[in-house]
Amino acid sequence: MVTIRLKGQVTPEGKLVFDVPDNLPPGEVDITIEVPNLDEQFTEEEIKELLTFKPASGAEVVAKGLVGGWEHKGITDSVAFVEELRRKQNKRHSW
């Protein structure tokens, strides 16, 4: 894995803006965001509040559209997908 550090800006609308290097190949990338001076922007109480876990009910999860999530991988039948994974794993680990 190659690490490339870029400088960017977050706009007031919540968009991340940065210049992509010319030689960067197309494909999926992982993005890590480091925010400088975080302790100067929030009080200790605000940070504690932001880090407090607030569970959601099943209805809230569904209402927010946080279910599914496999469509982007082309998985339409979860049972068939898991069975195929198990078959492949058994094949790799068989004598």
Protein backbone atom coordinates (compact mmCIF):
# COMPACT_ATOMS: atom_id res chain seq x y z
CA MET A 1 0.00 0.00 0.00
CA VAL A 2 1.25 3.46 -0.90
CA THR A 3 0.40 6.42 1.34
CA ILE A 4 -0.09 9.83 -0.24
CA ARG A 5 -0.74 12.82 2.00
CA LEU A 6 -2.85 15.64 0.58
CA LYS A 7 -4.09 18.91 2.02
CA GLY A 8 -7.78 19.63 1.69
CA GLN A 9 -10.52 21.89 2.91
CA VAL A 10 -13.98 21.18 4.28
CA THR A 11 -16.44 23.72 2.93
CA PRO A 12 -19.25 25.23 5.02
CA GLU A 13 -21.59 22.93 3.06
CA GLY A 14 -19.70 19.89 4.37
CA LYS A 15 -17.87 19.02 1.13
CA LEU A 16 -14.25 17.85 1.14
CA VAL A 17 -12.20 19.65 -1.51
CA PHE A 18 -8.68 18.61 -2.51
CA ASP A 19 -6.50 18.28 -5.61
CA VAL A 20 -5.92 14.72 -6.82
CA PRO A 21 -2.31 14.09 -7.98
CA ASP A 22 -1.92 13.59 -11.74
CA ASN A 23 -0.47 10.08 -11.52
CA LEU A 24 -3.05 8.66 -9.12
CA PRO A 25 -4.55 5.53 -10.72
CA PRO A 26 -8.34 5.12 -10.79
CA GLY A 27 -9.91 2.84 -8.20
CA GLU A 28 -11.02 2.60 -4.61
CA VAL A 29 -9.04 4.46 -1.93
CA ASP A 30 -9.23 4.76 1.86
CA ILE A 31 -9.45 8.31 3.15
CA THR A 32 -8.20 9.29 6.62
CA ILE A 33 -9.07 12.72 7.97
CA GLU A 34 -6.85 14.38 10.58
CA VAL A 35 -8.31 17.50 12.14
CA PRO A 36 -5.66 19.77 13.71
CA ASN A 37 -6.27 21.42 17.08
CA LEU A 38 -9.45 19.47 17.79
CA ASP A 39 -9.11 20.18 21.51
CA GLU A 40 -9.18 23.94 20.81
CA GLN A 41 -12.44 23.74 18.83
CA PHE A 42 -14.52 21.72 21.33
CA THR A 43 -14.83 21.85 25.07
CA GLU A 44 -14.11 18.70 27.07
CA GLU A 45 -17.84 18.38 27.77
CA GLU A 46 -18.65 18.64 24.03
CA ILE A 47 -16.09 15.94 23.20
CA LYS A 48 -17.56 13.70 25.92
CA GLU A 49 -21.05 14.23 24.47
CA LEU A 50 -19.85 13.45 20.93
CA LEU A 51 -18.22 10.22 22.12
CA THR A 52 -21.30 9.04 24.05
CA PHE A 53 -23.00 6.06 22.42
CA LYS A 54 -26.68 6.64 21.73
CA PRO A 55 -28.39 3.42 20.61
CA ALA A 56 -31.15 3.60 18.03
CA SER A 57 -34.26 1.46 17.89
CA GLY A 58 -34.85 -0.91 15.00
CA ALA A 59 -37.48 1.44 13.61
CA GLU A 60 -35.00 4.36 13.68
CA VAL A 61 -32.36 2.28 11.89
CA VAL A 62 -34.83 1.33 9.15
CA ALA A 63 -36.12 4.92 8.87
CA LYS A 64 -32.56 6.18 8.31
CA GLY A 65 -32.04 3.66 5.52
CA LEU A 66 -29.23 1.86 7.34
CA VAL A 67 -30.36 -1.61 6.31
CA GLY A 68 -29.18 -3.71 3.40
CA GLY A 69 -25.86 -2.37 2.30
CA TRP A 70 -24.84 -5.22 -0.02
CA GLU A 71 -26.46 -3.89 -3.19
CA HIS A 72 -23.24 -2.14 -4.23
CA LYS A 73 -21.54 -5.57 -4.26
CA GLY A 74 -24.26 -7.08 -6.45
CA ILE A 75 -25.53 -9.38 -3.68
CA THR A 76 -29.26 -9.96 -4.03
CA ASP A 77 -29.59 -13.25 -2.12
CA SER A 78 -27.71 -13.22 1.19
CA VAL A 79 -28.27 -16.94 1.85
CA ALA A 80 -26.84 -17.94 -1.54
CA PHE A 81 -23.92 -15.56 -1.00
CA VAL A 82 -23.03 -17.08 2.39
CA GLU A 83 -23.37 -20.62 1.04
CA GLU A 84 -20.99 -19.77 -1.81
CA LEU A 85 -18.48 -18.26 0.66
CA ARG A 86 -18.64 -21.44 2.76
CA ARG A 87 -18.20 -23.62 -0.32
CA LYS A 88 -15.11 -21.67 -1.38
CA GLN A 89 -13.68 -21.76 2.14
CA ASN A 90 -14.22 -25.53 2.40
CA LYS A 91 -12.54 -26.00 -0.97
CA ARG A 92 -9.48 -23.99 0.15
CA HIS A 93 -9.18 -25.85 3.44
CA SER A 94 -9.81 -29.35 2.17
CA TRP A 95 -7.04 -31.93 1.81
